Protein backbone atom coordinates (compact mmCIF):
# COMPACT_ATOMS: atom_id res chain seq x y z
CA MET A 1 -6.14 -6.51 25.36
CA LEU A 2 -9.42 -8.44 25.44
CA SER A 3 -10.69 -6.24 28.27
CA ALA A 4 -9.77 -3.18 26.21
CA PHE A 5 -11.85 -4.50 23.31
CA LEU A 6 -14.74 -5.08 25.67
CA SER A 7 -14.34 -1.55 27.00
CA ALA A 8 -14.42 -0.22 23.44
CA PHE A 9 -17.68 -2.02 22.72
CA ARG A 10 -19.19 -0.77 25.98
CA THR A 11 -18.73 2.81 24.78
CA PRO A 12 -21.81 3.60 22.65
CA ASP A 13 -20.25 6.00 20.13
CA LEU A 14 -17.06 3.95 19.74
CA ARG A 15 -19.13 0.79 19.35
CA LYS A 16 -21.08 2.46 16.54
CA LYS A 17 -17.83 3.40 14.79
CA LEU A 18 -16.47 -0.14 15.06
CA LEU A 19 -19.69 -1.73 13.79
CA PHE A 20 -19.90 0.85 10.98
CA THR A 21 -16.34 -0.01 9.93
CA VAL A 22 -17.12 -3.73 9.96
CA GLY A 23 -20.23 -3.11 7.84
CA ILE A 24 -18.27 -1.13 5.23
CA ILE A 25 -15.65 -3.90 5.10
CA ALA A 26 -18.42 -6.46 4.47
CA VAL A 27 -19.77 -4.35 1.58
CA TYR A 28 -16.26 -4.03 0.17
CA ARG A 29 -15.63 -7.78 0.26
CA LEU A 30 -19.04 -8.40 -1.33
CA GLY A 31 -18.14 -6.14 -4.25
CA ALA A 32 -14.75 -7.85 -4.54
CA THR A 33 -16.45 -11.21 -5.18
CA LEU A 34 -19.32 -9.92 -7.36
CA PRO A 35 -18.49 -10.54 -11.07
CA SER A 36 -18.76 -7.63 -13.47
CA PRO A 37 -21.44 -7.71 -16.21
CA GLY A 38 -20.11 -9.39 -19.32
CA VAL A 39 -17.73 -11.69 -17.42
CA SER A 40 -18.23 -15.45 -17.40
CA TYR A 41 -17.67 -16.35 -13.76
CA GLY A 42 -17.29 -20.06 -14.49
CA ASN A 43 -14.68 -19.48 -17.18
CA VAL A 44 -12.72 -17.14 -14.91
CA GLN A 45 -12.61 -19.78 -12.17
CA LYS A 46 -11.35 -22.35 -14.69
CA CYS A 47 -8.64 -19.90 -15.75
CA LEU A 48 -7.61 -19.34 -12.13
CA ASP A 49 -7.43 -23.10 -11.58
CA THR A 50 -5.23 -23.40 -14.65
CA ILE A 51 -2.68 -20.84 -13.46
CA GLN A 52 -3.11 -21.88 -9.78
CA GLY A 53 -4.12 -18.37 -8.74
CA SER A 54 -0.78 -16.67 -9.46
CA GLY A 55 -0.25 -13.58 -11.54
CA THR A 56 2.91 -12.18 -13.05
CA GLY A 57 4.93 -9.09 -12.24
CA VAL A 58 3.04 -6.09 -11.00
CA LEU A 59 -0.28 -7.87 -11.72
CA ASN A 60 0.68 -10.16 -8.85
CA LEU A 61 1.02 -7.18 -6.51
CA LEU A 62 -2.19 -5.54 -7.72
CA ASP A 63 -4.13 -8.77 -7.30
CA LEU A 64 -2.82 -9.02 -3.74
CA PHE A 65 -3.92 -5.45 -2.96
CA SER A 66 -7.37 -6.13 -4.43
CA GLY A 67 -7.85 -9.27 -2.34
CA GLY A 68 -7.93 -11.52 -5.42
CA ALA A 69 -10.62 -9.38 -7.10
CA LEU A 70 -8.45 -8.35 -10.06
CA LEU A 71 -8.01 -11.80 -11.60
CA GLN A 72 -11.71 -12.49 -11.02
CA LEU A 73 -12.63 -9.30 -12.96
CA SER A 74 -15.12 -8.36 -10.25
CA VAL A 75 -16.88 -5.04 -9.73
CA PHE A 76 -14.14 -3.90 -7.34
CA ALA A 77 -11.37 -5.45 -9.47
CA LEU A 78 -9.20 -2.30 -9.36
CA GLY A 79 -9.52 -2.01 -5.61
CA ILE A 80 -7.95 1.01 -3.96
CA MET A 81 -4.82 1.10 -6.13
CA PRO A 82 -6.02 3.92 -8.50
CA TYR A 83 -6.60 6.15 -5.47
CA ILE A 84 -3.18 5.30 -4.00
CA THR A 85 -1.51 5.99 -7.35
CA ALA A 86 -3.35 9.30 -7.68
CA SER A 87 -2.36 10.30 -4.13
CA ILE A 88 1.30 9.52 -4.81
CA ILE A 89 1.24 11.44 -8.09
CA LEU A 90 -0.32 14.51 -6.42
CA GLN A 91 2.21 14.29 -3.59
CA LEU A 92 5.11 14.22 -6.05
CA LEU A 93 3.62 17.02 -8.16
CA THR A 94 3.34 19.20 -5.06
CA VAL A 95 7.13 19.47 -5.07
CA VAL A 96 7.35 20.74 -8.67
CA ILE A 97 4.07 22.67 -9.14
CA PRO A 98 3.96 25.93 -7.10
CA ARG A 99 0.15 26.07 -7.18
CA LEU A 100 -0.13 22.70 -5.41
CA GLU A 101 2.55 23.72 -2.93
CA GLN A 102 0.55 26.86 -2.14
CA LEU A 103 -2.63 24.82 -1.65
CA ARG A 104 -0.82 22.49 0.73
CA LYS A 105 0.20 25.45 2.89
CA GLU A 106 -3.34 26.91 3.01
CA GLY A 107 -4.47 24.40 5.61
CA GLN A 108 -7.81 22.62 5.55
CA ALA A 109 -9.24 24.52 2.58
CA GLY A 110 -6.20 23.83 0.43
CA GLN A 111 -6.14 20.18 1.45
CA ALA A 112 -9.80 19.84 0.46
CA LYS A 113 -8.92 21.18 -3.00
CA ILE A 114 -6.04 18.69 -3.34
CA THR A 115 -8.39 15.90 -2.26
CA GLN A 116 -10.81 16.95 -5.00
CA TYR A 117 -8.02 16.81 -7.58
CA THR A 118 -7.08 13.36 -6.25
CA ARG A 119 -10.63 12.11 -6.79
CA TYR A 120 -10.71 13.34 -10.40
CA LEU A 121 -7.31 11.77 -11.10
CA THR A 122 -8.48 8.53 -9.47
CA LEU A 123 -11.40 8.23 -11.88
CA GLY A 124 -9.13 8.99 -14.84
CA LEU A 125 -6.65 6.33 -13.75
CA GLY A 126 -9.58 3.96 -13.17
CA ILE A 127 -10.65 4.31 -16.82
CA LEU A 128 -7.09 3.70 -18.05
CA GLN A 129 -6.40 0.75 -15.78
CA SER A 130 -9.77 -0.94 -16.34
CA SER A 131 -9.32 -0.60 -20.11
CA ALA A 132 -5.85 -2.12 -19.85
CA PHE A 133 -6.98 -5.05 -17.68
CA VAL A 134 -9.97 -5.78 -19.91
CA ALA A 135 -7.66 -5.78 -22.94
CA LEU A 136 -5.22 -8.10 -21.14
CA ALA A 137 -8.08 -10.45 -20.16
CA ARG A 138 -9.45 -10.46 -23.70
CA SER A 139 -6.03 -11.33 -25.16
CA GLY A 140 -5.32 -13.95 -22.48
CA GLN A 141 -2.21 -12.23 -21.07
CA LEU A 142 -3.93 -11.53 -17.75
CA PHE A 143 -3.98 -15.30 -17.23
CA GLN A 144 -0.48 -15.95 -18.65
CA ASN A 145 -1.94 -17.19 -21.96
CA ARG A 146 -2.80 -20.50 -20.29
CA CYS A 147 -6.56 -20.03 -20.27
CA ASP A 148 -8.51 -22.06 -22.81
CA GLN A 149 -11.83 -20.61 -21.62
CA PHE A 150 -12.76 -17.13 -22.80
CA PRO A 151 -13.25 -15.09 -19.56
CA ILE A 152 -15.48 -12.45 -21.18
CA VAL A 153 -18.89 -13.39 -22.61
CA PRO A 154 -18.30 -14.97 -26.07
CA ARG A 155 -19.21 -13.17 -29.27
CA ASP A 156 -22.03 -15.60 -30.21
CA THR A 157 -24.41 -14.03 -27.67
CA GLY A 158 -25.51 -11.41 -30.19
CA ILE A 159 -24.25 -8.51 -28.06
CA PRO A 160 -21.68 -6.32 -29.86
CA ASP A 161 -18.16 -6.63 -28.50
CA TRP A 162 -17.72 -2.88 -28.13
CA LEU A 163 -20.85 -2.63 -25.97
CA THR A 164 -19.76 -5.50 -23.69
CA LEU A 165 -16.26 -4.05 -23.26
CA THR A 166 -17.59 -0.52 -22.69
CA ILE A 167 -19.99 -1.69 -19.98
CA LEU A 168 -17.19 -3.70 -18.37
CA VAL A 169 -14.83 -0.69 -18.30
CA MET A 170 -17.58 1.58 -16.95
CA THR A 171 -18.46 -0.92 -14.22
CA MET A 172 -14.88 -1.28 -13.02
CA THR A 173 -14.37 2.50 -13.07
CA ALA A 174 -17.60 3.01 -11.11
CA GLY A 175 -16.39 0.34 -8.68
CA THR A 176 -13.22 2.38 -8.14
CA GLY A 177 -15.34 5.42 -7.30
CA VAL A 178 -17.43 3.38 -4.86
CA VAL A 179 -14.32 1.97 -3.16
CA MET A 180 -12.95 5.51 -2.80
CA TRP A 181 -16.26 6.60 -1.26
CA LEU A 182 -16.28 3.63 1.13
CA GLY A 183 -12.77 4.48 2.27
CA GLU A 184 -13.72 8.08 2.95
CA LEU A 185 -16.78 6.93 4.90
CA ILE A 186 -14.56 4.84 7.18
CA THR A 187 -12.23 7.80 7.70
CA ASP A 188 -15.10 10.18 8.56
CA ARG A 189 -17.47 7.92 10.51
CA GLY A 190 -15.47 4.80 11.36
CA VAL A 191 -12.16 3.87 12.98
CA GLY A 192 -8.80 4.31 11.28
CA ASN A 193 -7.78 5.58 7.87
CA GLY A 194 -10.35 4.22 5.42
CA MET A 195 -8.03 3.55 2.48
CA SER A 196 -5.50 1.80 4.70
CA VAL A 197 -8.18 -0.32 6.35
CA LEU A 198 -9.47 -1.49 2.94
CA ILE A 199 -5.95 -2.46 1.84
CA PHE A 200 -5.48 -4.31 5.13
CA THR A 201 -8.75 -6.15 4.51
CA SER A 202 -7.74 -7.12 0.96
CA ILE A 203 -4.39 -8.55 2.03
CA ALA A 204 -5.86 -10.32 5.07
CA ALA A 205 -8.47 -11.97 2.82
CA ARG A 206 -5.67 -13.75 0.96
CA LEU A 207 -3.91 -15.17 4.02
CA PRO A 208 -6.15 -18.23 4.67
CA SER A 209 -6.05 -19.48 1.07
CA GLU A 210 -2.29 -18.97 0.71
CA GLY A 211 -1.63 -20.62 4.06
CA TRP A 212 -3.80 -23.60 3.17
CA LYS A 213 -1.99 -23.86 -0.16
CA ILE A 214 1.32 -24.29 1.70
CA LYS A 215 -0.20 -26.94 3.96
CA THR A 216 -1.65 -28.84 0.96
CA THR A 217 1.54 -28.90 -1.08
CA LYS A 218 4.24 -29.04 1.65
CA GLY A 219 2.53 -30.62 4.66
CA TRP A 220 1.92 -29.64 8.26
CA GLY A 221 5.62 -29.49 9.18
CA MET A 222 6.48 -26.87 6.57
CA PHE A 223 3.26 -24.99 7.37
CA ALA A 224 4.17 -24.78 11.09
CA LEU A 225 7.71 -23.64 10.26
CA VAL A 226 6.41 -20.92 7.94
CA ILE A 227 4.00 -19.69 10.63
CA VAL A 228 6.86 -19.42 13.14
CA LEU A 229 8.98 -17.47 10.68
CA VAL A 230 6.04 -15.22 9.87
CA LEU A 231 5.52 -14.41 13.56
CA LEU A 232 9.22 -13.55 13.91
CA VAL A 233 9.04 -11.26 10.87
CA ILE A 234 5.90 -9.53 12.16
CA THR A 235 7.55 -9.00 15.57
CA ALA A 236 10.63 -7.45 13.96
CA VAL A 237 8.54 -5.24 11.67
CA THR A 238 6.40 -4.07 14.60
CA PHE A 239 9.51 -3.17 16.61
CA ILE A 240 11.16 -1.20 13.78
CA GLU A 241 7.95 0.51 12.62
CA GLN A 242 7.60 2.09 16.06
CA ALA A 243 11.30 3.04 16.33
CA GLN A 244 11.99 6.76 16.05
CA ARG A 245 14.63 9.36 16.80
CA ARG A 246 13.22 12.19 18.89
CA ILE A 247 14.80 15.61 18.33
CA PRO A 248 14.15 17.78 21.43
CA VAL A 249 12.66 21.22 20.75
CA GLN A 250 12.40 24.05 23.26
CA TYR A 251 10.08 27.03 22.74
CA ALA A 252 11.12 30.35 24.23
CA LYS A 253 8.73 32.35 26.37
CA ARG A 254 6.99 35.24 24.60
CA MET A 255 4.81 38.03 25.96
CA ILE A 256 1.74 38.61 23.75
CA GLY A 257 -0.50 41.28 25.21
CA ARG A 258 -0.75 40.50 28.89
CA ARG A 259 -0.21 36.77 28.54
CA MET A 260 2.95 34.73 28.53
CA TYR A 261 3.21 32.04 25.83
CA GLY A 262 5.82 29.39 25.13
CA GLY A 263 8.36 27.91 27.48
CA THR A 264 7.26 24.37 26.63
CA SER A 265 9.37 21.41 25.53
CA THR A 266 8.45 18.97 22.80
CA TYR A 267 10.22 16.87 20.19
CA ILE A 268 10.29 16.11 16.45
CA PRO A 269 9.75 12.36 15.90
CA LEU A 270 11.87 11.05 13.00
CA LYS A 271 10.86 7.47 12.27
CA VAL A 272 13.42 4.91 11.20
CA ASN A 273 11.06 3.97 8.36
CA GLN A 274 10.24 7.53 7.35
CA ALA A 275 9.25 6.57 3.79
CA GLY A 276 6.72 3.85 4.64
CA VAL A 277 5.92 1.32 1.94
CA ILE A 278 6.13 3.73 -1.03
CA PRO A 279 9.75 2.81 -2.06
CA VAL A 280 8.75 -0.86 -2.30
CA ILE A 281 5.83 0.00 -4.60
CA PHE A 282 8.05 2.22 -6.77
CA ALA A 283 10.73 -0.48 -7.08
CA SER A 284 8.16 -3.18 -7.90
CA SER A 285 6.62 -1.03 -10.63
CA LEU A 286 10.02 -0.25 -12.16
CA LEU A 287 11.02 -3.90 -12.19
CA TYR A 288 7.86 -4.68 -14.13
CA LEU A 289 9.03 -2.63 -17.13
CA PRO A 290 11.42 -5.32 -18.50
CA GLN A 291 8.63 -7.89 -18.29
CA LEU A 292 6.26 -5.51 -20.05
CA ALA A 293 8.82 -5.03 -22.83
CA LEU A 294 9.20 -8.80 -23.26
CA GLN A 295 5.51 -9.11 -24.10
CA PHE A 296 6.13 -7.27 -27.37
CA PHE A 297 8.65 -9.87 -28.53
CA ASN A 298 8.17 -13.40 -29.77
CA GLN A 299 7.70 -15.55 -26.67
CA THR A 300 7.84 -18.88 -28.52
CA ASN A 301 11.33 -18.27 -29.92
CA PRO A 302 12.98 -15.50 -27.86
CA GLY A 303 16.45 -14.19 -28.67
CA LYS A 304 19.46 -14.38 -26.37
CA THR A 305 18.83 -10.93 -24.91
CA GLN A 306 15.17 -11.64 -24.21
CA ALA A 307 16.02 -15.03 -22.69
CA TRP A 308 18.67 -13.47 -20.45
CA ILE A 309 16.27 -10.77 -19.26
CA GLN A 310 13.60 -13.41 -18.58
CA ASN A 311 15.96 -15.65 -16.57
CA HIS A 312 17.98 -13.00 -14.72
CA ILE A 313 15.82 -9.85 -14.39
CA VAL A 314 12.18 -10.94 -14.55
CA LYS A 315 12.51 -14.24 -12.66
CA ALA A 316 11.82 -13.51 -8.99
CA SER A 317 14.27 -16.12 -7.67
CA ALA A 318 17.22 -14.90 -9.78
CA PRO A 319 20.09 -13.31 -7.76
CA GLU A 320 20.24 -10.39 -10.22
CA HIS A 321 16.52 -9.69 -9.72
CA ILE A 322 16.89 -9.72 -5.93
CA ALA A 323 19.98 -7.46 -6.01
CA ILE A 324 18.40 -4.90 -8.37
CA TYR A 325 15.18 -4.91 -6.32
CA PHE A 326 17.15 -4.31 -3.11
CA LEU A 327 19.20 -1.42 -4.59
CA LEU A 328 16.13 0.21 -6.12
CA ILE A 329 14.39 0.20 -2.75
CA ILE A 330 17.38 1.90 -1.10
CA PHE A 331 17.46 4.55 -3.85
CA PHE A 332 13.73 5.27 -3.72
CA THR A 333 13.81 5.43 0.10
CA TYR A 334 16.34 8.28 0.02
CA PHE A 335 14.48 9.92 -2.86
CA TYR A 336 11.05 9.80 -1.21
CA VAL A 337 12.32 10.94 2.19
CA SER A 338 14.08 13.90 0.54
CA ILE A 339 10.86 15.14 -1.11
CA THR A 340 8.50 14.51 1.81
CA PHE A 341 10.59 15.94 4.68
CA ASN A 342 12.10 19.37 4.13
CA PRO A 343 14.57 20.23 6.94
CA THR A 344 14.78 23.88 5.80
CA GLU A 345 11.00 24.33 6.00
CA VAL A 346 10.85 22.65 9.43
CA ALA A 347 13.68 24.85 10.72
CA ASP A 348 12.01 28.01 9.40
CA ASN A 349 8.69 27.10 11.06
CA MET A 350 10.48 26.45 14.36
CA LYS A 351 12.26 29.80 14.14
CA LYS A 352 9.00 31.58 13.30
CA TYR A 353 7.32 30.32 16.50
CA GLY A 354 10.35 30.73 18.74
CA GLY A 355 11.44 27.11 18.79
CA PHE A 356 15.01 25.82 18.79
CA VAL A 357 16.94 22.61 19.29
CA PRO A 358 19.03 22.88 22.50
CA GLY A 359 22.64 23.53 21.57
CA ILE A 360 21.83 24.36 17.91
CA ARG A 361 21.35 27.88 16.57
CA PRO A 362 17.97 28.54 14.87
CA GLY A 363 17.71 28.83 11.11
CA LYS A 364 20.30 27.30 8.77
CA PRO A 365 22.31 25.44 11.49
CA THR A 366 19.08 23.76 12.63
CA ALA A 367 18.26 22.73 9.03
CA GLU A 368 21.76 21.29 8.60
CA TYR A 369 21.46 19.41 11.89
CA LEU A 370 18.06 17.93 10.91
CA ASP A 371 19.40 16.97 7.48
CA PHE A 372 22.39 15.24 9.10
CA ILE A 373 20.18 13.26 11.51
CA LEU A 374 17.75 12.37 8.71
CA SER A 375 20.52 11.10 6.42
CA ARG A 376 21.94 8.96 9.23
CA ILE A 377 18.59 7.44 10.18
CA THR A 378 17.44 6.83 6.59
CA LEU A 379 20.17 4.26 5.91
CA PRO A 380 18.96 1.67 8.46
CA GLY A 381 15.40 2.38 7.37
CA ALA A 382 16.29 1.73 3.72
CA LEU A 383 18.17 -1.49 4.60
CA TYR A 384 15.21 -2.63 6.69
CA LEU A 385 12.76 -2.00 3.84
CA GLY A 386 15.01 -3.82 1.37
CA ILE A 387 15.44 -6.88 3.58
CA ILE A 388 11.73 -7.15 4.35
CA ALA A 389 10.79 -6.66 0.68
CA ILE A 390 13.05 -9.45 -0.64
CA LEU A 391 11.90 -11.97 1.96
CA PRO A 392 9.15 -13.35 -0.35
CA ASN A 393 11.83 -13.98 -2.99
CA PHE A 394 13.71 -16.21 -0.57
CA PHE A 395 10.46 -17.89 0.45
CA PHE A 396 9.88 -18.48 -3.25
CA ILE A 397 13.29 -20.18 -3.57
CA TRP A 398 12.86 -22.12 -0.33
CA LEU A 399 9.37 -23.42 -1.10
CA ASP A 400 10.49 -24.16 -4.70
CA ASN A 401 7.08 -23.65 -6.22
CA GLN A 402 5.83 -21.06 -8.74
CA GLN A 403 2.45 -20.71 -7.05
CA PHE A 404 4.05 -19.07 -3.99
CA GLN A 405 5.43 -16.16 -6.01
CA ASN A 406 2.74 -13.92 -4.53
CA PHE A 407 3.59 -15.03 -0.99
CA PRO A 408 1.52 -12.73 1.24
CA PHE A 409 3.40 -13.34 4.51
CA GLY A 410 6.34 -11.03 3.82
CA GLY A 411 7.46 -7.92 1.99
CA THR A 412 4.87 -5.31 1.12
CA ALA A 413 2.00 -7.26 2.66
CA VAL A 414 3.55 -7.45 6.12
CA LEU A 415 4.65 -3.80 6.03
CA ILE A 416 1.13 -2.63 5.17
CA MET A 417 -0.67 -4.93 7.60
CA VAL A 418 1.56 -4.11 10.56
CA GLY A 419 1.55 -0.37 9.82
CA VAL A 420 -2.22 -0.18 9.41
CA GLY A 421 -2.79 -2.39 12.45
CA LEU A 422 -0.59 -0.21 14.67
CA GLU A 423 -2.18 3.04 13.52
CA THR A 424 -5.72 1.69 13.98
CA VAL A 425 -4.95 0.37 17.46
CA LYS A 426 -3.38 3.69 18.45
CA GLN A 427 -6.47 5.55 17.26
CA ILE A 428 -8.76 3.27 19.27
CA GLU A 429 -6.45 3.67 22.27
CA SER A 430 -6.58 7.46 22.06
CA GLN A 431 -10.38 7.39 22.00
CA LEU A 432 -10.45 5.02 24.95
CA MET A 433 -8.10 7.24 26.95
CA GLN A 434 -10.40 10.20 26.32
CA ARG A 435 -13.08 8.23 28.15
CA ASN A 436 -10.77 7.21 31.03
CA TYR A 437 -10.38 3.65 29.80
CA GLU A 438 -7.17 1.69 29.86
CA GLY A 439 -5.58 1.77 26.38
CA PHE A 440 -4.46 -1.13 24.24
CA LEU A 441 -0.73 -0.42 24.44
CA ARG A 442 -0.47 0.06 28.19
């Protein structure tokens, strides 16, 4: 593998792409640590020390995806999450809006139009999310109401509050636009998918601090045991992420003009984890709703219903929370696979170009066969996603410490890091093979 890296750097154009990607990552991490105007950096650090760097609910997940930039209220505090949310929304709307479905089928021109809509929606979501986070920081809820220091510049500076808050919201929204641009630059001129690489970078930036936190509080023995378990989890995730069911497809020979076309054999790869990490994000967001509702009630003297929800639904180590989280992931896995893979459309395209599955009649029988295979393979994929996603909850119980609630060595973090790592390595390998070099995975 080391020789393959050396071969990659010996190739001039590939070396430029790798160095360009590294440079964009450095700019991204710089913006993630640069405080926004109107934010007291010292007060924010005191607040983080007070809560020991942990967020609550979905804020915990967003802070992980931003590489810790969210709780620091930096220029890139929103990270890439507005773009991901916008992409998911457009993907779901494609199923229900005929105009978007038509654009998706128009090829590159239609996809460019959808990308433009995604950018506009990203900026709109950036304004909404930055306004919400600034309001949460101003009220103290972003730091669990434990922060005695005011994170935003105090009122006695002579600057109107509305001007400070407006500049802060505009800065964070502009930061979202810059992050989106940086991701597209990596996709066009670098290596790998830009948005995925930036998420990978954000999560990887949290690993050293979280690992050192375990060593400080639990000692070297527990730290070594956690590392071993993490390696086992990564190995299992890598194995399952590459697992797929290949449906053989044969194309009949056709005479077009004076040339003979077709007669080739290929396959349709159906991955075990066909839905990716989207079901985990959906389930995490839905589980945040009860916690969001609790914030509107009296926290100092909660009623029996609020106390039960806090102890059994919101609390990450509660058995009810883990069970609901697991079932939601299974449900959203089936739901997302059903809207992203259409067996009828695939069967019609195969029939149009003279393709068929050996032993299966083209058309409706092929669609029914693909739907049967997909339903059978989705169940192990859903169980796999659920088990991996609830691993941090068990780590949370095992380590018995609130500050490990955003444990980055399992669940969504591992799924994203392994998936992005595999795709990036495969892309580098394909470029090396084009230049007659030995690939990474050989």
